[in-house]
Amino acid sequence: MSQYDYLVVGAGLSGAVFANAARKAGKSVLVIDRRDHIAGNVYTEEVEGINVHRYGAHIFHTSMKDVWEYVNRFAEFNNYVNSPVANFHGNMYNMPFNMNTFAKMWPGVVTPADARAKIAEQVAAERIGEPANLEEQALSLVGRDIFETLVKGYTEKQWGRDCKDLPASIIKRLPCRFTYDNNYFNDRYQGVPMGGYTKMVANMLEGVEARCGVEYKELVAEQPDIAARTIYCGPIDAFYDFRLGTLEYRSLRFESEVLDESDHQGVAVVNYTAREVPYTRVIEHKHFEFGDQPKTVITREYPADWKPGDEPYYPINDARNEALYRQYEQLAAQEGSVVFAGRLGGYKYYDMDKAIAAAFELVRRELGVEPTEA
């Protein structure tokens, strides 16, 4: 007889949502994570009284009212609004592209009509028919000034390849906002949990047994009947010991530093869009919670090639990887007692709210209850 009704592999948002609902449905649940902490990539740790986002900046934003009301059961959110800026050779531009960006880039461009005309003029000058690569796609959308200042270098650092060697499909659109509004997101709800994401996930896992630093394969080798069913939020190819091949990702590397100053850059996120600057952005964590601590913590974020054993961040959803994932998906469909979930289980990038919404669907299918009512 199994010791638990459910083994949840992964203590991030997807696993925590399911574990919370399963416990409230009267199920016995064990959550494990190979890392030494809960909360997955939204993990925050306190340094100098500041909640540091260890795996990059995470700003919660959504237009889904049920998701927003759900997370507010586990944390109080502040009114942080994401308004990053871009640094290109020492010149600062607002992101996303808006009237403040255009007015800075093109002196004399002060109205939406001015900006539209300037962009249309630059797009026409490129004489691009059907874009053959990412560079041509971007030029056909925003013209050369915006592309070379704010898109080219940043994108090449992200992907580790020249824009001419990247498919046009990567950039479906480059949103231009013809208002003087620096709010990066259009979603109705936005903020950062006061006290950090780790505290929020801990509240979600209240009453649930959670073990960190535990490898799934080692646990089930020792206790093969530990649970009647498994919710597996790890990499789907690793579950099958990569028997069909390895799914590819882009990775990230972080360098954090405590500075003996109260405010280093005046904003939470500065993107560095010049190709020769090796990092893509600098995060100053105290600004997420409007901190007034005497010191500050910054993190430089470096895109990195990925190899097995590295932390997987962004699935490379090209034709080769998508075809391989479909093969693994067919294997997964034959697993009677294992359900694959989350970003790694589904080989799909999720914003936080989308991850929670997907976990809601999993709860409905698996437990037959409404997660928002449990």
Protein backbone atom coordinates (compact mmCIF):
# COMPACT_ATOMS: atom_id res chain seq x y z
CA MET A 1 0.00 0.00 0.00
CA SER A 2 1.26 3.47 -0.89
CA GLN A 3 2.40 5.80 1.83
CA TYR A 4 0.92 8.88 0.12
CA ASP A 5 -1.93 9.54 -2.28
CA TYR A 6 0.25 11.95 -4.25
CA LEU A 7 3.94 12.56 -4.76
CA VAL A 8 4.48 16.04 -6.21
CA VAL A 9 7.88 16.43 -7.85
CA GLY A 10 8.81 20.11 -7.82
CA ALA A 11 8.02 22.73 -5.18
CA GLY A 12 7.49 25.62 -7.58
CA LEU A 13 4.20 27.31 -8.38
CA SER A 14 2.69 24.41 -10.34
CA GLY A 15 3.47 21.86 -7.66
CA ALA A 16 2.42 24.15 -4.81
CA VAL A 17 -0.99 24.90 -6.36
CA PHE A 18 -1.70 21.19 -6.82
CA ALA A 19 -0.40 20.20 -3.38
CA ASN A 20 -2.51 22.87 -1.70
CA ALA A 21 -5.68 21.69 -3.44
CA ALA A 22 -4.93 18.01 -2.84
CA ARG A 23 -4.39 18.55 0.87
CA LYS A 24 -7.65 20.47 1.15
CA ALA A 25 -9.38 17.64 -0.73
CA GLY A 26 -8.26 15.28 2.02
CA LYS A 27 -5.40 13.66 0.14
CA SER A 28 -2.05 12.77 1.69
CA VAL A 29 0.69 14.60 -0.20
CA LEU A 30 4.49 14.60 -0.26
CA VAL A 31 6.27 17.38 -2.17
CA ILE A 32 9.92 16.95 -3.08
CA ASP A 33 12.43 19.20 -4.81
CA ARG A 34 15.99 18.52 -5.87
CA ARG A 35 17.01 22.04 -4.88
CA ASP A 36 17.70 23.03 -1.29
CA HIS A 37 14.63 25.26 -1.14
CA ILE A 38 10.98 25.53 -2.10
CA ALA A 39 9.44 28.02 -4.58
CA GLY A 40 11.35 26.96 -7.71
CA ASN A 41 12.48 29.82 -9.91
CA VAL A 42 10.46 32.39 -7.95
CA TYR A 43 12.56 31.68 -4.84
CA THR A 44 13.55 34.78 -2.90
CA GLU A 45 16.14 34.90 -0.12
CA GLU A 46 16.77 37.71 2.35
CA VAL A 47 20.10 39.53 2.02
CA GLU A 48 20.75 42.73 3.99
CA GLY A 49 17.02 42.87 4.74
CA ILE A 50 16.21 42.75 1.01
CA ASN A 51 14.25 39.96 -0.69
CA VAL A 52 16.59 38.92 -3.50
CA HIS A 53 15.12 37.13 -6.53
CA ARG A 54 17.77 34.42 -6.92
CA TYR A 55 16.66 33.30 -10.39
CA GLY A 56 15.95 36.64 -12.01
CA ALA A 57 13.30 39.32 -11.69
CA HIS A 58 9.75 38.08 -11.15
CA ILE A 59 6.89 40.59 -11.27
CA PHE A 60 3.46 39.06 -10.92
CA HIS A 61 1.01 40.32 -13.53
CA THR A 62 -2.25 38.93 -14.83
CA SER A 63 -5.63 39.82 -16.26
CA MET A 64 -7.18 36.64 -14.85
CA LYS A 65 -9.24 37.67 -11.85
CA ASP A 66 -9.44 34.16 -10.40
CA VAL A 67 -5.66 33.78 -10.48
CA TRP A 68 -5.15 37.21 -8.87
CA GLU A 69 -7.64 36.49 -6.11
CA TYR A 70 -6.02 33.09 -5.54
CA VAL A 71 -2.45 34.38 -5.01
CA ASN A 72 -3.77 37.13 -2.76
CA ARG A 73 -4.96 34.40 -0.39
CA PHE A 74 -1.33 33.56 0.31
CA ALA A 75 0.40 36.95 0.16
CA GLU A 76 -0.26 40.66 0.31
CA PHE A 77 0.85 42.26 -2.94
CA ASN A 78 2.21 45.76 -3.17
CA ASN A 79 1.55 48.22 -6.00
CA TYR A 80 4.85 47.75 -7.78
CA VAL A 81 4.58 48.65 -11.49
CA ASN A 82 7.25 47.30 -13.83
CA SER A 83 8.87 50.24 -15.64
CA PRO A 84 12.32 49.10 -16.79
CA VAL A 85 14.75 51.26 -18.71
CA ALA A 86 17.32 50.39 -21.35
CA ASN A 87 20.94 51.54 -21.34
CA PHE A 88 22.57 51.82 -24.78
CA HIS A 89 26.08 53.30 -24.64
CA GLY A 90 25.09 55.40 -21.63
CA ASN A 91 21.86 56.72 -23.14
CA MET A 92 18.72 55.73 -21.23
CA TYR A 93 15.46 54.78 -22.94
CA ASN A 94 12.10 53.77 -21.52
CA MET A 95 10.77 50.28 -22.14
CA PRO A 96 8.58 49.11 -23.73
CA PHE A 97 8.83 51.33 -26.80
CA ASN A 98 6.56 54.28 -26.05
CA MET A 99 6.36 58.01 -26.62
CA ASN A 100 9.04 58.67 -24.00
CA THR A 101 11.33 56.32 -25.96
CA PHE A 102 10.56 57.95 -29.30
CA ALA A 103 10.92 61.51 -28.01
CA LYS A 104 14.36 60.65 -26.58
CA MET A 105 15.49 58.83 -29.73
CA TRP A 106 14.21 61.40 -32.21
CA PRO A 107 14.25 65.01 -30.93
CA GLY A 108 11.23 66.81 -32.33
CA VAL A 109 9.06 63.71 -32.32
CA VAL A 110 6.51 64.62 -29.67
CA THR A 111 3.11 63.33 -30.79
CA PRO A 112 1.83 59.86 -31.71
CA ALA A 113 1.43 61.03 -35.31
CA ASP A 114 5.09 62.13 -35.35
CA ALA A 115 6.22 58.75 -34.05
CA ARG A 116 4.06 56.71 -36.41
CA ALA A 117 5.33 58.72 -39.36
CA LYS A 118 8.98 58.32 -38.30
CA ILE A 119 8.65 54.54 -37.86
CA ALA A 120 6.78 54.17 -41.17
CA GLU A 121 9.49 56.19 -42.94
CA GLN A 122 12.26 53.97 -41.54
CA VAL A 123 10.38 50.75 -42.30
CA ALA A 124 9.80 51.85 -45.90
CA ALA A 125 13.50 52.68 -46.31
CA GLU A 126 14.44 49.05 -45.61
CA ARG A 127 12.45 47.78 -48.65
CA ILE A 128 11.83 44.37 -47.06
CA GLY A 129 9.25 42.09 -48.63
CA GLU A 130 8.98 38.75 -46.85
CA PRO A 131 11.40 38.78 -43.87
CA ALA A 132 13.96 35.98 -44.16
CA ASN A 133 15.35 36.23 -40.62
CA LEU A 134 14.84 37.95 -37.29
CA GLU A 135 16.78 41.06 -38.31
CA GLU A 136 14.61 41.63 -41.37
CA GLN A 137 11.49 40.90 -39.36
CA ALA A 138 12.39 43.52 -36.73
CA LEU A 139 13.39 46.09 -39.33
CA SER A 140 10.07 45.59 -41.09
CA LEU A 141 8.24 46.26 -37.82
CA VAL A 142 10.10 49.16 -36.17
CA GLY A 143 12.83 50.41 -38.54
CA ARG A 144 16.58 50.70 -38.11
CA ASP A 145 16.99 53.14 -35.18
CA ILE A 146 14.89 51.15 -32.72
CA PHE A 147 16.28 47.84 -33.98
CA GLU A 148 19.93 48.78 -33.63
CA THR A 149 19.50 50.64 -30.34
CA LEU A 150 17.11 48.44 -28.40
CA VAL A 151 16.63 45.08 -30.16
CA LYS A 152 19.73 43.81 -31.96
CA GLY A 153 22.35 43.52 -29.21
CA TYR A 154 19.95 42.36 -26.52
CA THR A 155 18.45 39.67 -28.75
CA GLU A 156 21.85 38.39 -29.89
CA LYS A 157 22.96 38.08 -26.27
CA GLN A 158 19.76 36.26 -25.36
CA TRP A 159 20.10 33.68 -28.11
CA GLY A 160 23.87 33.56 -28.55
CA ARG A 161 23.51 34.08 -32.28
CA ASP A 162 23.48 36.93 -34.79
CA CYS A 163 20.01 38.27 -35.59
CA LYS A 164 20.56 37.35 -39.24
CA ASP A 165 20.97 33.72 -38.16
CA LEU A 166 17.77 33.61 -36.12
CA PRO A 167 14.35 32.76 -37.63
CA ALA A 168 11.93 35.59 -38.25
CA SER A 169 9.26 33.66 -36.31
CA ILE A 170 10.95 34.44 -32.97
CA ILE A 171 9.59 37.99 -33.17
CA LYS A 172 5.91 37.91 -34.01
CA ARG A 173 5.51 41.57 -33.10
CA LEU A 174 7.37 44.41 -31.43
CA PRO A 175 4.78 46.43 -29.53
CA CYS A 176 5.00 50.19 -29.95
CA ARG A 177 2.84 52.19 -27.57
CA PHE A 178 1.99 55.65 -28.73
CA THR A 179 1.38 57.01 -25.24
CA TYR A 180 3.64 58.46 -22.56
CA ASP A 181 3.17 55.42 -20.34
CA ASN A 182 6.14 53.43 -18.96
CA ASN A 183 4.10 50.57 -17.50
CA TYR A 184 5.62 47.49 -19.13
CA PHE A 185 2.57 45.27 -18.71
CA ASN A 186 -0.96 45.82 -19.96
CA ASP A 187 -2.48 43.43 -17.44
CA ARG A 188 -5.18 44.58 -15.04
CA TYR A 189 -3.38 43.28 -11.93
CA GLN A 190 0.29 43.68 -11.06
CA GLY A 191 2.56 43.64 -8.04
CA VAL A 192 5.18 41.81 -5.96
CA PRO A 193 4.32 39.84 -2.80
CA MET A 194 5.42 41.70 0.29
CA GLY A 195 7.89 39.55 2.15
CA GLY A 196 8.95 37.68 -1.00
CA TYR A 197 7.74 34.79 -3.13
CA THR A 198 9.23 32.14 -0.87
CA LYS A 199 6.92 33.23 1.93
CA MET A 200 3.95 33.06 -0.46
CA VAL A 201 4.79 29.52 -1.59
CA ALA A 202 5.40 28.45 2.01
CA ASN A 203 1.87 29.61 2.81
CA MET A 204 0.57 27.58 -0.13
CA LEU A 205 2.36 24.50 1.22
CA GLU A 206 1.19 24.97 4.80
CA GLY A 207 0.20 21.58 6.20
CA VAL A 208 1.91 19.72 3.34
CA GLU A 209 5.02 17.62 3.93
CA ALA A 210 7.84 19.02 1.81
CA ARG A 211 11.38 17.67 1.49
CA CYS A 212 14.15 19.61 -0.25
CA GLY A 213 17.40 18.27 -1.64
CA VAL A 214 15.67 15.07 -2.76
CA GLU A 215 16.21 13.49 -6.18
CA TYR A 216 13.09 11.87 -7.61
CA LYS A 217 14.87 8.88 -9.16
CA GLU A 218 16.72 8.10 -5.93
CA LEU A 219 13.54 8.35 -3.86
CA VAL A 220 11.46 6.02 -6.03
CA ALA A 221 14.35 3.58 -6.35
CA GLU A 222 14.38 3.26 -2.57
CA GLN A 223 10.58 3.44 -2.15
CA PRO A 224 8.90 2.45 -5.43
CA ASP A 225 5.43 2.40 -3.85
CA ILE A 226 5.75 5.71 -2.02
CA ALA A 227 2.68 7.21 -3.71
CA ALA A 228 -0.36 6.04 -5.63
CA ARG A 229 0.03 8.86 -8.15
CA THR A 230 2.78 11.27 -9.12
CA ILE A 231 2.55 14.84 -10.36
CA TYR A 232 5.89 15.26 -12.11
CA CYS A 233 7.02 18.85 -12.71
CA GLY A 234 10.58 17.97 -13.67
CA PRO A 235 12.05 17.69 -17.18
CA ILE A 236 10.07 15.16 -19.18
CA ASP A 237 13.15 13.85 -21.02
CA ALA A 238 15.00 13.30 -17.73
CA PHE A 239 12.09 11.18 -16.49
CA TYR A 240 12.78 8.82 -19.39
CA ASP A 241 16.57 9.02 -18.94
CA PHE A 242 16.84 10.90 -22.25
CA ARG A 243 16.21 7.68 -24.17
CA LEU A 244 14.87 9.52 -27.22
CA GLY A 245 17.30 12.43 -27.03
CA THR A 246 17.79 15.61 -25.04
CA LEU A 247 15.43 18.59 -25.21
CA GLU A 248 17.34 21.87 -25.48
CA TYR A 249 17.07 25.09 -23.49
CA ARG A 250 18.71 28.45 -23.08
CA SER A 251 20.14 29.02 -19.63
CA LEU A 252 21.06 31.97 -17.44
CA ARG A 253 23.93 32.82 -15.12
CA PHE A 254 23.63 35.30 -12.27
CA GLU A 255 26.23 37.39 -10.44
CA SER A 256 24.97 39.10 -7.29
CA GLU A 257 26.76 41.76 -5.28
CA VAL A 258 26.05 43.69 -2.07
CA LEU A 259 26.88 47.37 -2.51
CA ASP A 260 27.53 49.81 0.30
CA GLU A 261 25.10 52.38 -1.09
CA SER A 262 21.41 52.98 -0.63
CA ASP A 263 20.42 53.20 -4.30
CA HIS A 264 22.53 52.01 -7.21
CA GLN A 265 20.44 52.58 -10.34
CA GLY A 266 17.15 54.13 -9.25
CA VAL A 267 14.98 51.41 -10.78
CA ALA A 268 14.53 47.66 -10.34
CA VAL A 269 15.59 46.64 -13.85
CA VAL A 270 17.99 48.18 -16.36
CA ASN A 271 18.38 46.35 -19.69
CA TYR A 272 21.77 46.66 -21.38
CA THR A 273 21.13 46.51 -25.11
CA ALA A 274 24.66 46.99 -26.50
CA ARG A 275 26.15 43.72 -27.76
CA GLU A 276 29.56 44.34 -26.18
CA VAL A 277 28.10 44.47 -22.64
CA PRO A 278 28.10 40.77 -21.67
CA TYR A 279 25.02 40.83 -19.43
CA THR A 280 21.48 41.60 -20.55
CA ARG A 281 20.24 43.35 -17.45
CA VAL A 282 21.02 44.49 -13.93
CA ILE A 283 18.41 43.93 -11.23
CA GLU A 284 18.36 46.03 -8.06
CA HIS A 285 16.10 43.99 -5.84
CA LYS A 286 15.14 46.51 -3.15
CA HIS A 287 13.04 48.49 -5.63
CA PHE A 288 10.55 45.64 -5.96
CA GLU A 289 9.39 46.36 -2.41
CA PHE A 290 10.32 50.06 -2.23
CA GLY A 291 13.11 49.30 0.25
CA ASP A 292 15.01 51.97 2.18
CA GLN A 293 17.81 49.76 3.54
CA PRO A 294 21.25 51.39 3.89
CA LYS A 295 22.78 48.84 1.48
CA THR A 296 21.59 47.40 -1.80
CA VAL A 297 21.88 44.13 -3.72
CA ILE A 298 22.30 44.00 -7.48
CA THR A 299 22.33 41.01 -9.82
CA ARG A 300 23.81 40.90 -13.30
CA GLU A 301 22.03 38.46 -15.59
CA TYR A 302 24.00 36.67 -18.30
CA PRO A 303 22.35 34.50 -20.97
CA ALA A 304 24.17 31.22 -21.40
CA ASP A 305 24.31 28.19 -23.63
CA TRP A 306 22.72 25.18 -21.97
CA LYS A 307 24.05 21.66 -21.57
CA PRO A 308 22.67 18.76 -19.54
CA GLY A 309 23.26 19.47 -15.87
CA ASP A 310 22.79 23.23 -16.26
CA GLU A 311 19.64 24.95 -15.04
CA PRO A 312 17.05 24.90 -17.85
CA TYR A 313 15.20 28.21 -18.28
CA TYR A 314 13.83 28.80 -21.76
CA PRO A 315 12.74 25.90 -24.00
CA ILE A 316 14.05 26.18 -27.55
CA ASN A 317 10.79 25.49 -29.33
CA ASP A 318 12.22 24.95 -32.80
CA ALA A 319 11.10 22.16 -35.14
CA ARG A 320 13.66 19.65 -33.87
CA ASN A 321 12.81 20.11 -30.19
CA GLU A 322 9.06 20.26 -30.76
CA ALA A 323 9.17 16.97 -32.68
CA LEU A 324 11.22 15.37 -29.91
CA TYR A 325 8.85 16.66 -27.24
CA ARG A 326 5.88 15.15 -29.10
CA GLN A 327 7.61 11.77 -28.95
CA TYR A 328 8.09 12.12 -25.20
CA GLU A 329 4.48 13.27 -24.91
CA GLN A 330 3.38 10.01 -26.51
CA LEU A 331 5.38 8.05 -23.93
CA ALA A 332 3.89 10.17 -21.15
CA ALA A 333 0.36 9.37 -22.32
CA GLN A 334 1.04 5.72 -21.49
CA GLU A 335 1.96 6.45 -17.87
CA GLY A 336 -1.04 5.41 -15.84
CA SER A 337 -0.02 6.86 -12.49
CA VAL A 338 2.26 9.74 -13.53
CA VAL A 339 0.98 13.12 -14.71
CA PHE A 340 3.45 15.57 -16.28
CA ALA A 341 2.93 19.21 -15.42
CA GLY A 342 4.56 22.62 -15.24
CA ARG A 343 7.15 24.32 -17.40
CA LEU A 344 9.60 21.41 -17.53
CA GLY A 345 7.04 18.63 -17.64
CA GLY A 346 5.32 20.27 -20.60
CA TYR A 347 8.45 21.76 -22.25
CA LYS A 348 6.73 25.13 -22.38
CA TYR A 349 7.59 28.58 -21.09
CA TYR A 350 4.98 29.97 -18.70
CA ASP A 351 4.48 33.37 -17.15
CA MET A 352 3.63 32.90 -13.48
CA ASP A 353 -0.09 33.49 -13.92
CA LYS A 354 -0.26 31.07 -16.85
CA ALA A 355 1.55 28.42 -14.78
CA ILE A 356 -1.03 28.83 -12.03
CA ALA A 357 -3.93 28.73 -14.50
CA ALA A 358 -2.53 25.50 -15.99
CA ALA A 359 -2.25 24.07 -12.48
CA PHE A 360 -5.90 24.99 -11.89
CA GLU A 361 -6.84 22.84 -14.91
CA LEU A 362 -4.73 19.99 -13.56
CA VAL A 363 -6.53 20.20 -10.21
CA ARG A 364 -9.92 20.07 -11.94
CA ARG A 365 -8.95 17.06 -14.06
CA GLU A 366 -7.16 15.14 -11.33
CA LEU A 367 -9.14 15.99 -8.19
CA GLY A 368 -12.50 17.08 -9.56
CA VAL A 369 -12.55 20.20 -7.40
CA GLU A 370 -12.28 23.93 -8.03
CA PRO A 371 -8.88 25.13 -6.80
CA THR A 372 -10.22 28.61 -6.18
CA GLU A 373 -12.89 27.23 -3.84
CA ALA A 374 -10.87 24.60 -2.02
